[in-house]
């Protein structure tokens, strides 16, 4: 499982692109503010599989080329978390 985090100023477009690529996935949305710039932005987080990652990255880049994103493997969760295999 991978945690994908995208930072954007256009959360509706990025969120829509994520769900259009992977309809069975959802995301968490948090509002943020730059510590130095004080600019408003949004942080989208979603859990995906390694197989889904390339499509998710492409969707983020196409929907907001100026976004910043990063991802990393999740080694544990506070409770059982199951992601259905892609069919």
N, C-alpha and C. Protein backbone atom coordinates (compact mmCIF):
# COMPACT_ATOMS: atom_id res chain seq x y z
N UNK A 1 0.85 -1.18 0.00
CA UNK A 1 0.00 0.00 0.00
C UNK A 1 0.89 1.23 0.00
N UNK A 2 0.49 2.24 -0.75
CA UNK A 2 1.23 3.49 -0.87
C UNK A 2 0.34 4.64 -0.42
N UNK A 3 0.92 5.56 0.33
CA UNK A 3 0.24 6.80 0.66
C UNK A 3 0.71 7.86 -0.33
N UNK A 4 -0.20 8.35 -1.15
CA UNK A 4 0.09 9.40 -2.12
C UNK A 4 -0.42 10.71 -1.54
N UNK A 5 0.43 11.73 -1.52
CA UNK A 5 0.07 13.04 -1.02
C UNK A 5 0.31 14.06 -2.14
N UNK A 6 -0.70 14.85 -2.45
CA UNK A 6 -0.58 15.89 -3.47
C UNK A 6 -0.94 17.23 -2.86
N UNK A 7 -0.13 18.24 -3.12
CA UNK A 7 -0.37 19.59 -2.63
C UNK A 7 -0.72 20.45 -3.84
N UNK A 8 -1.88 21.11 -3.78
CA UNK A 8 -2.40 21.82 -4.94
C UNK A 8 -3.22 23.03 -4.52
N UNK A 9 -3.41 23.93 -5.44
CA UNK A 9 -4.31 25.07 -5.22
C UNK A 9 -5.66 24.84 -5.89
N UNK A 10 -5.79 23.74 -6.63
CA UNK A 10 -7.05 23.42 -7.31
C UNK A 10 -7.51 22.01 -6.91
N UNK A 11 -7.97 21.85 -5.68
CA UNK A 11 -8.29 20.51 -5.17
C UNK A 11 -9.43 19.81 -5.89
N UNK A 12 -10.42 20.57 -6.38
CA UNK A 12 -11.54 19.93 -7.06
C UNK A 12 -11.08 19.23 -8.33
N UNK A 13 -10.23 19.87 -9.09
CA UNK A 13 -9.74 19.27 -10.34
C UNK A 13 -8.87 18.05 -10.06
N UNK A 14 -7.97 18.17 -9.10
CA UNK A 14 -7.08 17.04 -8.78
C UNK A 14 -7.89 15.88 -8.20
N UNK A 15 -8.80 16.17 -7.29
CA UNK A 15 -9.64 15.13 -6.70
C UNK A 15 -10.48 14.42 -7.75
N UNK A 16 -11.04 15.18 -8.68
CA UNK A 16 -11.83 14.57 -9.75
C UNK A 16 -10.97 13.68 -10.63
N UNK A 17 -9.76 14.11 -10.91
CA UNK A 17 -8.87 13.29 -11.74
C UNK A 17 -8.49 12.00 -11.03
N UNK A 18 -8.28 12.07 -9.72
CA UNK A 18 -7.95 10.85 -8.97
C UNK A 18 -9.09 9.85 -9.01
N UNK A 19 -10.30 10.33 -8.78
CA UNK A 19 -11.44 9.41 -8.76
C UNK A 19 -11.82 8.94 -10.16
N UNK A 20 -11.49 9.70 -11.18
CA UNK A 20 -11.79 9.24 -12.53
C UNK A 20 -10.84 8.12 -12.96
N UNK A 21 -9.63 8.14 -12.45
CA UNK A 21 -8.65 7.09 -12.77
C UNK A 21 -8.93 5.83 -11.95
N UNK A 22 -9.30 6.02 -10.71
CA UNK A 22 -9.55 4.90 -9.81
C UNK A 22 -10.87 5.15 -9.09
N UNK A 23 -11.95 4.75 -9.72
CA UNK A 23 -13.29 5.05 -9.22
C UNK A 23 -13.56 4.47 -7.83
N UNK A 24 -12.89 3.41 -7.47
CA UNK A 24 -13.14 2.77 -6.18
C UNK A 24 -12.26 3.35 -5.06
N UNK A 25 -11.50 4.39 -5.34
CA UNK A 25 -10.67 5.04 -4.34
C UNK A 25 -11.28 6.37 -3.92
N UNK A 26 -10.97 6.78 -2.73
CA UNK A 26 -11.39 8.08 -2.23
C UNK A 26 -10.15 8.79 -1.71
N UNK A 27 -10.32 9.98 -1.19
CA UNK A 27 -9.16 10.72 -0.69
C UNK A 27 -9.58 11.58 0.49
N UNK A 28 -8.59 12.01 1.24
CA UNK A 28 -8.79 12.93 2.34
C UNK A 28 -8.27 14.29 1.90
N UNK A 29 -8.99 15.33 2.24
CA UNK A 29 -8.64 16.68 1.81
C UNK A 29 -8.47 17.56 3.05
N UNK A 30 -7.30 18.21 3.14
CA UNK A 30 -7.02 19.14 4.24
C UNK A 30 -6.59 20.48 3.66
N UNK A 31 -7.02 21.55 4.32
CA UNK A 31 -6.60 22.88 3.91
C UNK A 31 -5.29 23.21 4.63
N UNK A 32 -4.40 23.91 3.92
CA UNK A 32 -3.12 24.29 4.51
C UNK A 32 -2.76 25.72 4.16
N UNK A 33 -1.71 26.18 4.80
CA UNK A 33 -1.20 27.52 4.52
C UNK A 33 0.31 27.45 4.54
N UNK A 34 0.93 28.06 3.54
CA UNK A 34 2.38 28.07 3.48
C UNK A 34 2.97 28.79 4.67
N UNK A 35 3.96 28.18 5.31
CA UNK A 35 4.58 28.79 6.48
C UNK A 35 5.31 30.08 6.15
N UNK A 36 5.92 30.13 5.00
CA UNK A 36 6.65 31.33 4.59
C UNK A 36 5.79 32.24 3.73
N UNK A 37 5.16 31.66 2.72
CA UNK A 37 4.39 32.47 1.77
C UNK A 37 3.03 32.89 2.29
N UNK A 38 2.50 32.13 3.24
CA UNK A 38 1.15 32.34 3.78
C UNK A 38 0.05 32.08 2.74
N UNK A 39 0.43 31.50 1.59
CA UNK A 39 -0.55 31.18 0.55
C UNK A 39 -1.39 29.97 0.98
N UNK A 40 -2.64 29.97 0.56
CA UNK A 40 -3.57 28.88 0.85
C UNK A 40 -3.36 27.76 -0.18
N UNK A 41 -3.43 26.54 0.29
CA UNK A 41 -3.32 25.38 -0.59
C UNK A 41 -4.11 24.24 0.03
N UNK A 42 -4.20 23.14 -0.69
CA UNK A 42 -4.93 21.96 -0.23
C UNK A 42 -4.03 20.73 -0.31
N UNK A 43 -4.19 19.83 0.64
CA UNK A 43 -3.43 18.59 0.68
C UNK A 43 -4.41 17.44 0.48
N UNK A 44 -4.20 16.66 -0.58
CA UNK A 44 -5.01 15.48 -0.85
C UNK A 44 -4.17 14.26 -0.52
N UNK A 45 -4.77 13.30 0.20
CA UNK A 45 -4.08 12.05 0.52
C UNK A 45 -4.97 10.89 0.12
N UNK A 46 -4.34 9.88 -0.45
CA UNK A 46 -5.07 8.68 -0.83
C UNK A 46 -4.17 7.47 -0.70
N UNK A 47 -4.76 6.33 -0.39
CA UNK A 47 -4.04 5.07 -0.34
C UNK A 47 -4.30 4.32 -1.63
N UNK A 48 -3.22 3.87 -2.27
CA UNK A 48 -3.33 3.16 -3.54
C UNK A 48 -2.36 1.97 -3.53
N UNK A 49 -2.50 1.13 -4.51
CA UNK A 49 -1.57 0.01 -4.68
C UNK A 49 -0.42 0.44 -5.57
N UNK A 50 0.64 -0.36 -5.56
CA UNK A 50 1.79 -0.09 -6.43
C UNK A 50 1.37 -0.09 -7.90
N UNK A 51 0.43 -0.95 -8.24
CA UNK A 51 -0.02 -1.05 -9.63
C UNK A 51 -0.77 0.21 -10.07
N UNK A 52 -1.47 0.85 -9.16
CA UNK A 52 -2.24 2.06 -9.49
C UNK A 52 -1.38 3.32 -9.55
N UNK A 53 -0.23 3.29 -8.92
CA UNK A 53 0.58 4.49 -8.76
C UNK A 53 0.89 5.24 -10.06
N UNK A 54 1.35 4.58 -11.12
CA UNK A 54 1.66 5.33 -12.35
C UNK A 54 0.47 6.12 -12.90
N UNK A 55 -0.72 5.53 -12.88
CA UNK A 55 -1.91 6.23 -13.37
C UNK A 55 -2.28 7.40 -12.47
N UNK A 56 -2.11 7.22 -11.17
CA UNK A 56 -2.41 8.29 -10.22
C UNK A 56 -1.46 9.46 -10.43
N UNK A 57 -0.18 9.18 -10.59
CA UNK A 57 0.81 10.24 -10.84
C UNK A 57 0.46 10.98 -12.12
N UNK A 58 0.15 10.26 -13.17
CA UNK A 58 -0.21 10.89 -14.45
C UNK A 58 -1.44 11.77 -14.29
N UNK A 59 -2.44 11.30 -13.56
CA UNK A 59 -3.67 12.08 -13.35
C UNK A 59 -3.37 13.37 -12.61
N UNK A 60 -2.53 13.31 -11.59
CA UNK A 60 -2.18 14.51 -10.83
C UNK A 60 -1.43 15.50 -11.73
N UNK A 61 -0.45 15.01 -12.46
CA UNK A 61 0.35 15.88 -13.32
C UNK A 61 -0.49 16.53 -14.42
N UNK A 62 -1.44 15.79 -14.96
CA UNK A 62 -2.29 16.34 -16.02
C UNK A 62 -3.30 17.35 -15.48
N UNK A 63 -3.83 17.10 -14.29
CA UNK A 63 -4.85 18.00 -13.75
C UNK A 63 -4.26 19.26 -13.13
N UNK A 64 -3.04 19.18 -12.62
CA UNK A 64 -2.38 20.36 -12.05
C UNK A 64 -0.87 20.22 -12.19
N UNK A 65 -0.34 20.69 -13.33
CA UNK A 65 1.11 20.58 -13.56
C UNK A 65 1.96 21.31 -12.52
N UNK A 66 1.38 22.27 -11.81
CA UNK A 66 2.16 23.01 -10.81
C UNK A 66 2.05 22.40 -9.41
N UNK A 67 1.34 21.28 -9.28
CA UNK A 67 1.20 20.65 -7.97
C UNK A 67 2.52 20.04 -7.52
N UNK A 68 2.59 19.77 -6.24
CA UNK A 68 3.73 19.06 -5.65
C UNK A 68 3.17 17.78 -5.06
N UNK A 69 3.82 16.66 -5.31
CA UNK A 69 3.34 15.40 -4.74
C UNK A 69 4.50 14.55 -4.28
N UNK A 70 4.19 13.65 -3.38
CA UNK A 70 5.16 12.67 -2.93
C UNK A 70 4.39 11.43 -2.47
N UNK A 71 5.08 10.31 -2.37
CA UNK A 71 4.44 9.07 -1.96
C UNK A 71 5.46 8.19 -1.25
N UNK A 72 4.94 7.30 -0.43
CA UNK A 72 5.80 6.35 0.25
C UNK A 72 4.98 5.12 0.68
N UNK A 73 5.71 4.02 0.86
CA UNK A 73 5.07 2.78 1.29
C UNK A 73 4.55 2.90 2.71
N UNK A 74 3.42 2.27 2.96
CA UNK A 74 2.84 2.20 4.29
C UNK A 74 3.16 0.81 4.84
N UNK A 75 3.78 0.76 6.00
CA UNK A 75 4.14 -0.53 6.58
C UNK A 75 3.17 -1.02 7.62
N UNK A 76 2.28 -0.17 8.05
CA UNK A 76 1.31 -0.60 9.05
C UNK A 76 0.19 0.41 9.18
N UNK A 77 -0.94 -0.05 9.63
CA UNK A 77 -2.08 0.82 9.87
C UNK A 77 -2.63 0.52 11.27
N UNK A 78 -3.43 1.42 11.79
CA UNK A 78 -3.95 1.24 13.14
C UNK A 78 -4.98 0.12 13.25
N UNK A 79 -5.53 -0.27 12.11
CA UNK A 79 -6.46 -1.39 12.08
C UNK A 79 -6.38 -2.02 10.70
N UNK A 80 -7.08 -3.12 10.52
CA UNK A 80 -7.02 -3.81 9.25
C UNK A 80 -7.52 -2.91 8.13
N UNK A 81 -6.76 -2.82 7.07
CA UNK A 81 -7.13 -2.02 5.91
C UNK A 81 -6.97 -2.91 4.68
N UNK A 82 -8.02 -3.06 3.93
CA UNK A 82 -8.02 -3.95 2.78
C UNK A 82 -8.31 -3.15 1.52
N UNK A 83 -7.47 -3.34 0.51
CA UNK A 83 -7.72 -2.73 -0.80
C UNK A 83 -8.05 -3.86 -1.75
N UNK A 84 -9.21 -3.76 -2.39
CA UNK A 84 -9.61 -4.79 -3.34
C UNK A 84 -8.68 -4.82 -4.53
N UNK A 85 -8.37 -6.03 -5.02
CA UNK A 85 -7.53 -6.12 -6.22
C UNK A 85 -8.23 -5.48 -7.42
N UNK A 86 -7.41 -4.96 -8.32
CA UNK A 86 -7.94 -4.37 -9.55
C UNK A 86 -8.38 -5.49 -10.47
N UNK A 87 -9.59 -5.39 -11.01
CA UNK A 87 -10.03 -6.44 -11.93
C UNK A 87 -10.07 -5.97 -13.34
